[in-house]
PDB file of N, CA and C in Angstrom:
ATOM      1  N   MET A   1       3.367  -5.125  -2.593  1.00  0.00           N
ATOM      2  CA  MET A   1       1.996  -4.690  -2.708  1.00  0.00           C
ATOM      3  C   MET A   1       2.005  -3.171  -2.633  1.00  0.00           C
ATOM      4  N   GLY A   2       1.375  -2.533  -3.591  1.00  0.00           N
ATOM      5  CA  GLY A   2       1.361  -1.087  -3.644  1.00  0.00           C
ATOM      6  C   GLY A   2       0.237  -0.475  -2.836  1.00  0.00           C
ATOM      7  N   ILE A   3       0.204   0.836  -2.846  1.00  0.00           N
ATOM      8  CA  ILE A   3      -0.814   1.558  -2.098  1.00  0.00           C
ATOM      9  C   ILE A   3      -2.202   1.292  -2.679  1.00  0.00           C
ATOM     10  N   GLY A   4      -2.302   1.232  -4.003  1.00  0.00           N
ATOM     11  CA  GLY A   4      -3.593   0.993  -4.640  1.00  0.00           C
ATOM     12  C   GLY A   4      -4.185  -0.364  -4.284  1.00  0.00           C
ATOM     13  N   VAL A   5      -3.368  -1.382  -4.296  1.00  0.00           N
ATOM     14  CA  VAL A   5      -3.832  -2.727  -3.943  1.00  0.00           C
ATOM     15  C   VAL A   5      -4.243  -2.776  -2.475  1.00  0.00           C
ATOM     16  N   SER A   6      -3.508  -2.087  -1.622  1.00  0.00           N
ATOM     17  CA  SER A   6      -3.832  -2.068  -0.200  1.00  0.00           C
ATOM     18  C   SER A   6      -5.179  -1.396   0.054  1.00  0.00           C
ATOM     19  N   VAL A   7      -5.424  -0.292  -0.614  1.00  0.00           N
ATOM     20  CA  VAL A   7      -6.707   0.396  -0.460  1.00  0.00           C
ATOM     21  C   VAL A   7      -7.838  -0.468  -1.010  1.00  0.00           C
ATOM     22  N   PHE A   8      -7.587  -1.168  -2.118  1.00  0.00           N
ATOM     23  CA  PHE A   8      -8.580  -2.078  -2.672  1.00  0.00           C
ATOM     24  C   PHE A   8      -8.919  -3.195  -1.678  1.00  0.00           C
ATOM     25  N   LEU A   9      -7.908  -3.787  -1.055  1.00  0.00           N
ATOM     26  CA  LEU A   9      -8.158  -4.837  -0.068  1.00  0.00           C
ATOM     27  C   LEU A   9      -8.929  -4.305   1.134  1.00  0.00           C
ATOM     28  N   LEU A  10      -8.601  -3.093   1.572  1.00  0.00           N
ATOM     29  CA  LEU A  10      -9.357  -2.486   2.671  1.00  0.00           C
ATOM     30  C   LEU A  10     -10.820  -2.305   2.291  1.00  0.00           C
ATOM     31  N   ALA A  11     -11.070  -1.843   1.078  1.00  0.00           N
ATOM     32  CA  ALA A  11     -12.447  -1.606   0.636  1.00  0.00           C
ATOM     33  C   ALA A  11     -13.229  -2.913   0.513  1.00  0.00           C
ATOM     34  N   VAL A  12     -12.635  -3.913  -0.112  1.00  0.00           N
ATOM     35  CA  VAL A  12     -13.324  -5.196  -0.277  1.00  0.00           C
ATOM     36  C   VAL A  12     -13.560  -5.850   1.083  1.00  0.00           C
ATOM     37  N   GLY A  13     -12.567  -5.772   1.955  1.00  0.00           N
ATOM     38  CA  GLY A  13     -12.734  -6.333   3.296  1.00  0.00           C
ATOM     39  C   GLY A  13     -13.825  -5.627   4.075  1.00  0.00           C
ATOM     40  N   GLY A  14     -13.898  -4.307   3.968  1.00  0.00           N
ATOM     41  CA  GLY A  14     -14.962  -3.568   4.650  1.00  0.00           C
ATOM     42  C   GLY A  14     -16.332  -3.920   4.110  1.00  0.00           C
ATOM     43  N   ILE A  15     -16.432  -4.091   2.811  1.00  0.00           N
ATOM     44  CA  ILE A  15     -17.717  -4.474   2.217  1.00  0.00           C
ATOM     45  C   ILE A  15     -18.127  -5.857   2.693  1.00  0.00           C
ATOM     46  N   LEU A  16     -17.189  -6.809   2.685  1.00  0.00           N
ATOM     47  CA  LEU A  16     -17.524  -8.162   3.140  1.00  0.00           C
ATOM     48  C   LEU A  16     -17.871  -8.192   4.625  1.00  0.00           C
ATOM     49  N   SER A  17     -17.183  -7.383   5.415  1.00  0.00           N
ATOM     50  CA  SER A  17     -17.411  -7.417   6.861  1.00  0.00           C
ATOM     51  C   SER A  17     -18.711  -6.741   7.269  1.00  0.00           C
ATOM     52  N   PHE A  18     -19.008  -5.612   6.649  1.00  0.00           N
ATOM     53  CA  PHE A  18     -20.102  -4.797   7.163  1.00  0.00           C
ATOM     54  C   PHE A  18     -21.329  -4.720   6.259  1.00  0.00           C
ATOM     55  N   ALA A  19     -21.209  -5.016   4.973  1.00  0.00           N
ATOM     56  CA  ALA A  19     -22.335  -4.803   4.068  1.00  0.00           C
ATOM     57  C   ALA A  19     -22.964  -6.087   3.536  1.00  0.00           C
ATOM     58  N   VAL A  20     -22.247  -7.181   3.541  1.00  0.00           N
ATOM     59  CA  VAL A  20     -22.779  -8.420   2.973  1.00  0.00           C
ATOM     60  C   VAL A  20     -23.406  -9.245   4.077  1.00  0.00           C
ATOM     61  N   SER A  21     -24.648  -9.642   3.845  1.00  0.00           N
ATOM     62  CA  SER A  21     -25.328 -10.464   4.855  1.00  0.00           C
ATOM     63  C   SER A  21     -25.644 -11.862   4.325  1.00  0.00           C
ATOM     64  N   ASP A  22     -25.165 -12.215   3.146  1.00  0.00           N
ATOM     65  CA  ASP A  22     -25.390 -13.548   2.597  1.00  0.00           C
ATOM     66  C   ASP A  22     -24.569 -14.581   3.362  1.00  0.00           C
ATOM     67  N   ARG A  23     -24.965 -15.807   3.213  1.00  0.00           N
ATOM     68  CA  ARG A  23     -24.265 -16.904   3.880  1.00  0.00           C
ATOM     69  C   ARG A  23     -23.731 -17.870   2.839  1.00  0.00           C
ATOM     70  N   ILE A  24     -22.514 -18.314   3.034  1.00  0.00           N
ATOM     71  CA  ILE A  24     -21.926 -19.378   2.227  1.00  0.00           C
ATOM     72  C   ILE A  24     -21.555 -20.480   3.204  1.00  0.00           C
ATOM     73  N   SER A  25     -21.967 -21.698   2.900  1.00  0.00           N
ATOM     74  CA  SER A  25     -21.721 -22.780   3.849  1.00  0.00           C
ATOM     75  C   SER A  25     -20.219 -23.025   3.990  1.00  0.00           C
ATOM     76  N   GLY A  26     -19.754 -23.007   5.212  1.00  0.00           N
ATOM     77  CA  GLY A  26     -18.351 -23.270   5.499  1.00  0.00           C
ATOM     78  C   GLY A  26     -17.460 -22.052   5.448  1.00  0.00           C
ATOM     79  N   VAL A  27     -17.988 -20.888   5.054  1.00  0.00           N
ATOM     80  CA  VAL A  27     -17.176 -19.679   4.937  1.00  0.00           C
ATOM     81  C   VAL A  27     -17.862 -18.558   5.705  1.00  0.00           C
ATOM     82  N   ASP A  28     -17.154 -17.968   6.645  1.00  0.00           N
ATOM     83  CA  ASP A  28     -17.667 -16.819   7.377  1.00  0.00           C
ATOM     84  C   ASP A  28     -17.154 -15.550   6.685  1.00  0.00           C
ATOM     85  N   LEU A  29     -18.028 -14.872   5.957  1.00  0.00           N
ATOM     86  CA  LEU A  29     -17.617 -13.716   5.170  1.00  0.00           C
ATOM     87  C   LEU A  29     -17.144 -12.558   6.037  1.00  0.00           C
ATOM     88  N   THR A  30     -17.639 -12.480   7.255  1.00  0.00           N
ATOM     89  CA  THR A  30     -17.192 -11.420   8.158  1.00  0.00           C
ATOM     90  C   THR A  30     -15.717 -11.608   8.506  1.00  0.00           C
ATOM     91  N   VAL A  31     -15.332 -12.837   8.797  1.00  0.00           N
ATOM     92  CA  VAL A  31     -13.934 -13.117   9.128  1.00  0.00           C
ATOM     93  C   VAL A  31     -13.049 -12.913   7.903  1.00  0.00           C
ATOM     94  N   VAL A  32     -13.504 -13.330   6.737  1.00  0.00           N
ATOM     95  CA  VAL A  32     -12.740 -13.116   5.507  1.00  0.00           C
ATOM     96  C   VAL A  32     -12.548 -11.619   5.275  1.00  0.00           C
ATOM     97  N   GLY A  33     -13.585 -10.829   5.537  1.00  0.00           N
ATOM     98  CA  GLY A  33     -13.483  -9.380   5.395  1.00  0.00           C
ATOM     99  C   GLY A  33     -12.468  -8.782   6.347  1.00  0.00           C
ATOM    100  N   TYR A  34     -12.491  -9.241   7.591  1.00  0.00           N
ATOM    101  CA  TYR A  34     -11.512  -8.738   8.560  1.00  0.00           C
ATOM    102  C   TYR A  34     -10.077  -9.117   8.160  1.00  0.00           C
ATOM    103  N   ILE A  35      -9.907 -10.319   7.641  1.00  0.00           N
ATOM    104  CA  ILE A  35      -8.576 -10.743   7.197  1.00  0.00           C
ATOM    105  C   ILE A  35      -8.108  -9.874   6.035  1.00  0.00           C
ATOM    106  N   LEU A  36      -8.995  -9.598   5.076  1.00  0.00           N
ATOM    107  CA  LEU A  36      -8.623  -8.738   3.952  1.00  0.00           C
ATOM    108  C   LEU A  36      -8.305  -7.316   4.415  1.00  0.00           C
ATOM    109  N   MET A  37      -9.084  -6.805   5.370  1.00  0.00           N
ATOM    110  CA  MET A  37      -8.788  -5.467   5.886  1.00  0.00           C
ATOM    111  C   MET A  37      -7.454  -5.439   6.621  1.00  0.00           C
ATOM    112  N   GLY A  38      -7.137  -6.494   7.359  1.00  0.00           N
ATOM    113  CA  GLY A  38      -5.846  -6.570   8.031  1.00  0.00           C
ATOM    114  C   GLY A  38      -4.695  -6.623   7.050  1.00  0.00           C
ATOM    115  N   ALA A  39      -4.851  -7.424   5.987  1.00  0.00           N
ATOM    116  CA  ALA A  39      -3.805  -7.503   4.967  1.00  0.00           C
ATOM    117  C   ALA A  39      -3.652  -6.167   4.250  1.00  0.00           C
ATOM    118  N   GLY A  40      -4.760  -5.487   3.979  1.00  0.00           N
ATOM    119  CA  GLY A  40      -4.697  -4.183   3.322  1.00  0.00           C
ATOM    120  C   GLY A  40      -4.039  -3.138   4.202  1.00  0.00           C
ATOM    121  N   ALA A  41      -4.365  -3.141   5.491  1.00  0.00           N
ATOM    122  CA  ALA A  41      -3.752  -2.176   6.409  1.00  0.00           C
ATOM    123  C   ALA A  41      -2.258  -2.434   6.546  1.00  0.00           C
ATOM    124  N   LEU A  42      -1.875  -3.696   6.667  1.00  0.00           N
ATOM    125  CA  LEU A  42      -0.462  -4.034   6.768  1.00  0.00           C
ATOM    126  C   LEU A  42       0.282  -3.651   5.485  1.00  0.00           C
ATOM    127  N   GLY A  43      -0.324  -3.926   4.335  1.00  0.00           N
ATOM    128  CA  GLY A  43       0.286  -3.553   3.067  1.00  0.00           C
ATOM    129  C   GLY A  43       0.417  -2.049   2.909  1.00  0.00           C
ATOM    130  N   LEU A  44      -0.577  -1.300   3.372  1.00  0.00           N
ATOM    131  CA  LEU A  44      -0.528   0.158   3.287  1.00  0.00           C
ATOM    132  C   LEU A  44       0.583   0.716   4.166  1.00  0.00           C
ATOM    133  N   ILE A  45       0.712   0.186   5.372  1.00  0.00           N
ATOM    134  CA  ILE A  45       1.776   0.640   6.279  1.00  0.00           C
ATOM    135  C   ILE A  45       3.145   0.325   5.680  1.00  0.00           C
ATOM    136  N   MET A  46       3.300  -0.872   5.132  1.00  0.00           N
ATOM    137  CA  MET A  46       4.586  -1.253   4.536  1.00  0.00           C
ATOM    138  C   MET A  46       4.900  -0.394   3.309  1.00  0.00           C
ATOM    139  N   ALA A  47       3.892  -0.122   2.471  1.00  0.00           N
ATOM    140  CA  ALA A  47       4.125   0.679   1.269  1.00  0.00           C
ATOM    141  C   ALA A  47       4.528   2.101   1.633  1.00  0.00           C
ATOM    142  N   VAL A  48       3.856   2.685   2.619  1.00  0.00           N
ATOM    143  CA  VAL A  48       4.208   4.043   3.043  1.00  0.00           C
ATOM    144  C   VAL A  48       5.599   4.059   3.670  1.00  0.00           C
ATOM    145  N   PHE A  49       5.909   3.055   4.469  1.00  0.00           N
ATOM    146  CA  PHE A  49       7.220   2.982   5.104  1.00  0.00           C
ATOM    147  C   PHE A  49       8.327   2.849   4.068  1.00  0.00           C
ATOM    148  N   LEU A  50       8.142   1.966   3.099  1.00  0.00           N
ATOM    149  CA  LEU A  50       9.171   1.769   2.076  1.00  0.00           C
ATOM    150  C   LEU A  50       9.312   2.992   1.177  1.00  0.00           C
ATOM    151  N   THR A  51       8.218   3.674   0.902  1.00  0.00           N
ATOM    152  CA  THR A  51       8.284   4.882   0.086  1.00  0.00           C
ATOM    153  C   THR A  51       9.023   5.987   0.829  1.00  0.00           C
ATOM    154  N   SER A  52       8.798   6.098   2.126  1.00  0.00           N
ATOM    155  CA  SER A  52       9.491   7.145   2.885  1.00  0.00           C
ATOM    156  C   SER A  52      10.978   6.818   3.015  1.00  0.00           C
ATOM    157  N   GLN A  53      11.339   5.558   3.079  1.00  0.00           N
ATOM    158  CA  GLN A  53      12.747   5.176   3.132  1.00  0.00           C
ATOM    159  C   GLN A  53      13.446   5.522   1.821  1.00  0.00           C
ATOM    160  N   ARG A  54      12.754   5.317   0.713  1.00  0.00           N
ATOM    161  CA  ARG A  54      13.339   5.591  -0.594  1.00  0.00           C
ATOM    162  C   ARG A  54      13.544   7.086  -0.795  1.00  0.00           C
ATOM    163  N   SER A  55      12.635   7.910  -0.268  1.00  0.00           N
ATOM    164  CA  SER A  55      12.761   9.351  -0.487  1.00  0.00           C
ATOM    165  C   SER A  55      13.837   9.967   0.405  1.00  0.00           C
ATOM    166  N   ARG A  56      14.244   9.286   1.462  1.00  0.00           N
ATOM    167  CA  ARG A  56      15.286   9.803   2.348  1.00  0.00           C
ATOM    168  C   ARG A  56      16.696   9.477   1.879  1.00  0.00           C
ATOM    169  N   ALA A  57      16.807   8.705   0.835  1.00  0.00           N
ATOM    170  CA  ALA A  57      18.127   8.309   0.347  1.00  0.00           C
ATOM    171  C   ALA A  57      18.886   9.537  -0.140  1.00  0.00           C
ATOM    172  N   ALA A  58      20.173   9.510   0.073  1.00  0.00           N
ATOM    173  CA  ALA A  58      21.008  10.649  -0.328  1.00  0.00           C
ATOM    174  C   ALA A  58      21.089  10.714  -1.847  1.00  0.00           C
ATOM    175  N   ARG A  59      20.906  11.892  -2.341  1.00  0.00           N
ATOM    176  CA  ARG A  59      20.998  12.106  -3.782  1.00  0.00           C
ATOM    177  C   ARG A  59      22.109  13.097  -4.041  1.00  0.00           C
ATOM    178  N   THR A  60      22.941  12.770  -4.982  1.00  0.00           N
ATOM    179  CA  THR A  60      24.074  13.621  -5.317  1.00  0.00           C
ATOM    180  C   THR A  60      23.984  13.984  -6.783  1.00  0.00           C
ATOM    181  N   SER A  61      24.166  15.247  -7.055  1.00  0.00           N
ATOM    182  CA  SER A  61      24.215  15.667  -8.453  1.00  0.00           C
ATOM    183  C   SER A  61      25.553  16.348  -8.702  1.00  0.00           C
ATOM    184  N   VAL A  62      26.102  16.069  -9.857  1.00  0.00           N
ATOM    185  CA  VAL A  62      27.392  16.615 -10.219  1.00  0.00           C
ATOM    186  C   VAL A  62      27.190  17.535 -11.415  1.00  0.00           C
ATOM    187  N   THR A  63      27.652  18.756 -11.277  1.00  0.00           N
ATOM    188  CA  THR A  63      27.598  19.685 -12.407  1.00  0.00           C
ATOM    189  C   THR A  63      29.021  20.038 -12.806  1.00  0.00           C
ATOM    190  N   GLU A  64      29.239  20.079 -14.083  1.00  0.00           N
ATOM    191  CA  GLU A  64      30.568  20.357 -14.582  1.00  0.00           C
ATOM    192  C   GLU A  64      30.557  21.731 -15.227  1.00  0.00           C
ATOM    193  N   ARG A  65      31.502  22.549 -14.812  1.00  0.00           N
ATOM    194  CA  ARG A  65      31.619  23.888 -15.383  1.00  0.00           C
ATOM    195  C   ARG A  65      32.884  23.961 -16.217  1.00  0.00           C
ATOM    196  N   ARG A  66      32.714  24.439 -17.387  1.00  0.00           N
ATOM    197  CA  ARG A  66      33.865  24.594 -18.263  1.00  0.00           C
ATOM    198  C   ARG A  66      34.132  26.073 -18.460  1.00  0.00           C
ATOM    199  N   THR A  67      35.353  26.427 -18.377  1.00  0.00           N
ATOM    200  CA  THR A  67      35.747  27.812 -18.646  1.00  0.00           C
ATOM    201  C   THR A  67      36.566  27.825 -19.914  1.00  0.00           C
ATOM    202  N   TYR A  68      36.256  28.742 -20.765  1.00  0.00           N
ATOM    203  CA  TYR A  68      36.950  28.853 -22.047  1.00  0.00           C
ATOM    204  C   TYR A  68      37.878  30.066 -21.991  1.00  0.00           C
ATOM    205  N   GLU A  69      39.103  29.836 -22.286  1.00  0.00           N
ATOM    206  CA  GLU A  69      40.079  30.928 -22.285  1.00  0.00           C
ATOM    207  C   GLU A  69      40.380  31.323 -23.728  1.00  0.00           C
ATOM    208  N   GLU A  70      40.425  32.580 -23.951  1.00  0.00           N
ATOM    209  CA  GLU A  70      40.713  33.046 -25.300  1.00  0.00           C
ATOM    210  C   GLU A  70      42.114  33.509 -25.461  1.00  0.00           C
TER     211      GLU A  70
END
C-alpha cells in the first residue's frame, strides 16, 4: 500500500467518523471510519519505513578511466 492510498484511507475514515450522520442498519459508520483511519495510519507508517530503508541501501558507482598513450 502506497502513501497515496494510505492518505486516501485516512481521509475517507475521517469523513465517515466525524462528518457522516446517516444510519445504515447493522453497520456503525463511526467504527468503520476508525478502522479505515487505523489501516491508513498503519499503511502510511509502513510506506515511510520501507521507503527510508530503500534509500539507506549502499549504492556503488564504477567509473572507468582510459588513458591513451601516443
